[in-house]
C-alpha cells in the first residue's frame, strides 16, 4: 500500500472533554500505515519529479532559481511540457503539497 485510504481531509480540531472518547490511537492496537499523509498513490509525473528533485538537490542546488534551472537542464519539465519558471514551479509544488 502506497497511500493512506483512511486519511480524512483536514478539519478544525474539536476537543472532546469526555475521557477516552477522542480520536487518539491506543499504542499497539493500530497499525502504522507507511504513507500516512498520502490520500492517493503518486502519479507517474510525481514519481519522476521526486526522482529529478533528488538529483537536483544532490547536485547542490539551494535556491529556487537553481532548482528550476537544474530541472530544466535534466529535461524534467512541467506537467504541460513547458520549461519550468520560478512561478510555475512554486505553483505546482504548492498544488502537490495541498493534495
N, C-alpha and C. Protein backbone atom coordinates (compact mmCIF):
# COMPACT_ATOMS: atom_id res chain seq x y z
N UNK A 1 0.85 -1.17 0.00
CA UNK A 1 0.00 0.00 0.00
C UNK A 1 0.90 1.23 0.00
N UNK A 2 0.62 2.16 -0.91
CA UNK A 2 1.46 3.34 -1.01
C UNK A 2 0.70 4.64 -0.76
N UNK A 3 -0.45 4.52 -0.07
CA UNK A 3 -1.18 5.70 0.38
C UNK A 3 -2.09 5.31 1.52
N UNK A 4 -2.61 6.28 2.22
CA UNK A 4 -3.46 6.02 3.38
C UNK A 4 -4.93 6.15 2.96
N UNK A 5 -5.64 5.03 2.79
CA UNK A 5 -7.04 5.10 2.36
C UNK A 5 -7.96 5.65 3.44
N UNK A 6 -7.47 5.76 4.66
CA UNK A 6 -8.29 6.24 5.77
C UNK A 6 -8.07 7.72 6.07
N UNK A 7 -7.20 8.36 5.30
CA UNK A 7 -6.87 9.76 5.54
C UNK A 7 -8.11 10.63 5.34
N UNK A 8 -8.41 11.42 6.35
CA UNK A 8 -9.55 12.34 6.27
C UNK A 8 -9.05 13.72 5.90
N UNK A 9 -9.85 14.46 5.15
CA UNK A 9 -9.44 15.84 4.86
C UNK A 9 -9.23 16.59 6.17
N UNK A 10 -8.35 17.58 6.13
CA UNK A 10 -8.04 18.34 7.33
C UNK A 10 -9.31 19.00 7.83
N UNK A 11 -9.44 19.02 9.11
CA UNK A 11 -10.58 19.71 9.72
C UNK A 11 -10.11 20.40 10.98
N UNK A 12 -10.84 21.39 11.37
CA UNK A 12 -10.51 22.15 12.58
C UNK A 12 -10.58 21.21 13.79
N UNK A 13 -9.57 21.19 14.64
CA UNK A 13 -9.62 20.33 15.83
C UNK A 13 -10.79 20.72 16.73
N UNK A 14 -11.45 19.71 17.24
CA UNK A 14 -12.55 19.93 18.16
C UNK A 14 -12.27 19.11 19.41
N UNK A 15 -11.91 19.75 20.50
CA UNK A 15 -11.59 19.00 21.70
C UNK A 15 -12.78 18.21 22.22
N UNK A 16 -12.49 17.04 22.75
CA UNK A 16 -13.52 16.22 23.38
C UNK A 16 -13.17 16.16 24.85
N UNK A 17 -14.07 16.60 25.68
CA UNK A 17 -13.79 16.69 27.11
C UNK A 17 -14.21 15.44 27.88
N UNK A 18 -14.64 14.40 27.17
CA UNK A 18 -15.00 13.14 27.81
C UNK A 18 -13.79 12.21 27.72
N UNK A 19 -13.31 11.77 28.84
CA UNK A 19 -12.11 10.92 28.87
C UNK A 19 -12.30 9.67 28.03
N UNK A 20 -11.30 9.40 27.18
CA UNK A 20 -11.32 8.18 26.36
C UNK A 20 -12.21 8.23 25.15
N UNK A 21 -12.81 9.36 24.85
CA UNK A 21 -13.75 9.45 23.72
C UNK A 21 -13.17 10.22 22.52
N UNK A 22 -11.91 10.58 22.59
CA UNK A 22 -11.30 11.30 21.47
C UNK A 22 -10.88 10.36 20.36
N UNK A 23 -10.03 10.82 19.47
CA UNK A 23 -9.57 10.02 18.34
C UNK A 23 -8.11 9.63 18.46
N UNK A 24 -7.60 9.58 19.66
CA UNK A 24 -6.22 9.17 19.88
C UNK A 24 -6.13 7.65 19.74
N UNK A 25 -5.15 7.19 18.97
CA UNK A 25 -4.96 5.74 18.81
C UNK A 25 -4.33 5.16 20.06
N UNK A 26 -4.69 3.96 20.38
CA UNK A 26 -4.08 3.26 21.50
C UNK A 26 -2.83 2.53 21.00
N UNK A 27 -1.67 2.80 21.61
CA UNK A 27 -0.43 2.17 21.15
C UNK A 27 -0.57 0.64 21.09
N UNK A 28 -0.06 0.09 19.99
CA UNK A 28 -0.09 -1.36 19.82
C UNK A 28 -1.39 -1.90 19.27
N UNK A 29 -2.42 -1.07 19.15
CA UNK A 29 -3.71 -1.55 18.66
C UNK A 29 -4.05 -1.03 17.27
N UNK A 30 -3.23 -0.14 16.74
CA UNK A 30 -3.47 0.42 15.41
C UNK A 30 -2.21 0.26 14.58
N UNK A 31 -2.37 -0.28 13.39
CA UNK A 31 -1.22 -0.46 12.51
C UNK A 31 -0.71 0.86 11.99
N UNK A 32 0.59 0.97 11.82
CA UNK A 32 1.20 2.18 11.29
C UNK A 32 1.24 2.07 9.77
N UNK A 33 0.46 2.89 9.10
CA UNK A 33 0.45 2.89 7.64
C UNK A 33 1.63 3.73 7.17
N UNK A 34 2.44 3.17 6.31
CA UNK A 34 3.68 3.82 5.90
C UNK A 34 3.45 5.20 5.30
N UNK A 35 2.46 5.35 4.47
CA UNK A 35 2.21 6.63 3.80
C UNK A 35 1.00 7.30 4.45
N UNK A 36 1.16 7.76 5.66
CA UNK A 36 0.02 8.24 6.41
C UNK A 36 -0.56 9.56 5.92
N UNK A 37 0.16 10.33 5.17
CA UNK A 37 -0.37 11.61 4.73
C UNK A 37 -0.67 11.65 3.24
N UNK A 38 -0.65 10.52 2.59
CA UNK A 38 -0.91 10.48 1.15
C UNK A 38 -2.31 9.92 0.94
N UNK A 39 -3.17 10.67 0.25
CA UNK A 39 -4.56 10.24 0.05
C UNK A 39 -4.76 9.42 -1.23
N UNK A 40 -3.73 9.32 -2.06
CA UNK A 40 -3.80 8.53 -3.30
C UNK A 40 -2.38 8.16 -3.71
N UNK A 41 -2.24 7.10 -4.50
CA UNK A 41 -0.89 6.75 -4.97
C UNK A 41 -0.32 7.89 -5.81
N UNK A 42 1.01 8.06 -5.81
CA UNK A 42 1.60 9.11 -6.63
C UNK A 42 1.43 8.81 -8.12
N UNK A 43 1.29 9.86 -8.90
CA UNK A 43 1.20 9.70 -10.35
C UNK A 43 2.61 9.45 -10.90
N UNK A 44 2.68 9.06 -12.15
CA UNK A 44 3.97 8.87 -12.79
C UNK A 44 4.75 10.20 -12.80
N UNK A 45 4.06 11.30 -13.08
CA UNK A 45 4.72 12.61 -13.06
C UNK A 45 5.30 12.90 -11.68
N UNK A 46 4.53 12.65 -10.63
CA UNK A 46 5.00 12.92 -9.27
C UNK A 46 6.23 12.08 -8.94
N UNK A 47 6.23 10.82 -9.36
CA UNK A 47 7.40 9.96 -9.13
C UNK A 47 8.62 10.49 -9.89
N UNK A 48 8.42 10.87 -11.13
CA UNK A 48 9.53 11.40 -11.93
C UNK A 48 10.05 12.71 -11.36
N UNK A 49 9.14 13.58 -10.92
CA UNK A 49 9.56 14.84 -10.33
C UNK A 49 10.34 14.59 -9.05
N UNK A 50 9.89 13.67 -8.22
CA UNK A 50 10.61 13.33 -7.00
C UNK A 50 12.01 12.83 -7.29
N UNK A 51 12.14 11.94 -8.28
CA UNK A 51 13.46 11.43 -8.66
C UNK A 51 14.36 12.56 -9.16
N UNK A 52 13.77 13.44 -9.98
CA UNK A 52 14.55 14.56 -10.52
C UNK A 52 14.98 15.51 -9.41
N UNK A 53 14.10 15.77 -8.45
CA UNK A 53 14.45 16.66 -7.35
C UNK A 53 15.57 16.09 -6.49
N UNK A 54 15.59 14.77 -6.32
CA UNK A 54 16.72 14.16 -5.59
C UNK A 54 18.03 14.48 -6.30
N UNK A 55 18.04 14.34 -7.62
CA UNK A 55 19.25 14.66 -8.40
C UNK A 55 19.60 16.14 -8.28
N UNK A 56 18.59 16.99 -8.35
CA UNK A 56 18.80 18.44 -8.27
C UNK A 56 19.46 18.81 -6.95
N UNK A 57 18.91 18.29 -5.85
CA UNK A 57 19.46 18.64 -4.54
C UNK A 57 20.81 17.96 -4.30
N UNK A 58 20.99 16.75 -4.83
CA UNK A 58 22.30 16.10 -4.73
C UNK A 58 23.38 16.89 -5.47
N UNK A 59 22.97 17.61 -6.51
CA UNK A 59 23.94 18.39 -7.29
C UNK A 59 24.32 19.69 -6.57
N UNK A 60 23.64 19.98 -5.46
CA UNK A 60 23.99 21.17 -4.68
C UNK A 60 23.06 22.36 -4.84
N UNK A 61 21.99 22.22 -5.61
CA UNK A 61 21.06 23.33 -5.78
C UNK A 61 20.46 23.71 -4.43
N UNK A 62 20.40 25.02 -4.17
CA UNK A 62 19.86 25.51 -2.91
C UNK A 62 18.80 26.59 -3.08
N UNK A 63 18.89 27.34 -4.13
CA UNK A 63 17.91 28.42 -4.33
C UNK A 63 16.84 27.96 -5.31
N UNK A 64 15.72 28.67 -5.31
CA UNK A 64 14.65 28.36 -6.24
C UNK A 64 15.14 28.45 -7.68
N UNK A 65 15.91 29.47 -7.97
CA UNK A 65 16.44 29.64 -9.33
C UNK A 65 17.31 28.45 -9.73
N UNK A 66 18.12 27.97 -8.80
CA UNK A 66 18.98 26.81 -9.09
C UNK A 66 18.16 25.54 -9.31
N UNK A 67 17.13 25.35 -8.50
CA UNK A 67 16.27 24.17 -8.64
C UNK A 67 15.59 24.17 -10.00
N UNK A 68 15.01 25.31 -10.37
CA UNK A 68 14.32 25.44 -11.65
C UNK A 68 15.29 25.21 -12.81
N UNK A 69 16.46 25.80 -12.74
CA UNK A 69 17.45 25.64 -13.81
C UNK A 69 17.87 24.18 -13.95
N UNK A 70 18.11 23.51 -12.84
CA UNK A 70 18.55 22.10 -12.88
C UNK A 70 17.45 21.19 -13.40
N UNK A 71 16.19 21.43 -13.00
CA UNK A 71 15.09 20.61 -13.52
C UNK A 71 15.00 20.75 -15.04
N UNK A 72 15.09 21.98 -15.52
CA UNK A 72 15.06 22.21 -16.97
C UNK A 72 16.25 21.55 -17.66
N UNK A 73 17.41 21.64 -17.03
CA UNK A 73 18.62 21.03 -17.58
C UNK A 73 18.47 19.51 -17.69
N UNK A 74 17.81 18.91 -16.70
CA UNK A 74 17.59 17.46 -16.70
C UNK A 74 16.49 17.03 -17.68
N UNK A 75 15.73 17.99 -18.19
CA UNK A 75 14.62 17.66 -19.09
C UNK A 75 13.36 17.25 -18.34
N UNK A 76 13.31 17.57 -17.04
CA UNK A 76 12.12 17.29 -16.24
C UNK A 76 11.26 18.54 -16.26
N UNK A 77 10.35 18.60 -17.22
CA UNK A 77 9.56 19.79 -17.43
C UNK A 77 8.24 19.75 -16.67
N UNK A 78 7.52 20.86 -16.69
CA UNK A 78 6.23 20.99 -16.01
C UNK A 78 5.21 20.01 -16.60
N UNK A 79 4.09 19.78 -15.92
CA UNK A 79 3.10 18.84 -16.42
C UNK A 79 2.60 19.14 -17.83
N UNK A 80 2.60 20.41 -18.22
CA UNK A 80 2.14 20.78 -19.57
C UNK A 80 3.26 20.68 -20.61
N UNK A 81 4.44 20.22 -20.18
CA UNK A 81 5.57 20.06 -21.10
C UNK A 81 6.43 21.30 -21.26
N UNK A 82 6.04 22.39 -20.62
CA UNK A 82 6.80 23.64 -20.72
C UNK A 82 7.99 23.61 -19.77
N UNK A 83 8.97 24.43 -20.08
CA UNK A 83 10.09 24.57 -19.17
C UNK A 83 9.59 25.25 -17.90
N UNK A 84 10.20 24.87 -16.78
CA UNK A 84 9.82 25.47 -15.51
C UNK A 84 10.24 26.93 -15.44
N UNK A 85 9.43 27.72 -14.78
CA UNK A 85 9.82 29.06 -14.34
C UNK A 85 9.72 29.01 -12.82
N UNK A 86 10.25 29.99 -12.16
CA UNK A 86 10.14 30.01 -10.70
C UNK A 86 8.66 30.03 -10.29
N UNK A 87 7.86 30.78 -11.01
CA UNK A 87 6.43 30.87 -10.69
C UNK A 87 5.71 29.54 -10.94
N UNK A 88 5.96 28.91 -12.09
CA UNK A 88 5.25 27.66 -12.39
C UNK A 88 5.67 26.55 -11.44
N UNK A 89 6.95 26.51 -11.08
CA UNK A 89 7.42 25.50 -10.12
C UNK A 89 6.77 25.73 -8.75
N UNK A 90 6.76 26.96 -8.28
CA UNK A 90 6.16 27.27 -6.97
C UNK A 90 4.68 26.91 -6.95
N UNK A 91 3.98 27.23 -8.03
CA UNK A 91 2.55 26.91 -8.12
C UNK A 91 2.32 25.41 -8.10
N UNK A 92 3.13 24.67 -8.85
CA UNK A 92 2.95 23.21 -8.92
C UNK A 92 3.29 22.54 -7.59
N UNK A 93 4.36 22.97 -6.95
CA UNK A 93 4.73 22.39 -5.67
C UNK A 93 3.67 22.69 -4.62
N UNK A 94 3.11 23.88 -4.67
CA UNK A 94 2.02 24.23 -3.76
C UNK A 94 0.81 23.33 -4.02
N UNK A 95 0.49 23.10 -5.28
CA UNK A 95 -0.65 22.24 -5.64
C UNK A 95 -0.41 20.81 -5.14
N UNK A 96 0.79 20.31 -5.37
CA UNK A 96 1.09 18.94 -4.94
C UNK A 96 1.07 18.81 -3.42
N UNK A 97 1.52 19.85 -2.74
CA UNK A 97 1.53 19.83 -1.27
C UNK A 97 0.15 19.96 -0.67
N UNK A 98 -0.81 20.41 -1.47
CA UNK A 98 -2.17 20.61 -0.97
C UNK A 98 -3.07 19.42 -1.28
N UNK A 99 -2.55 18.43 -1.99
CA UNK A 99 -3.37 17.27 -2.39
C UNK A 99 -3.79 16.47 -1.18
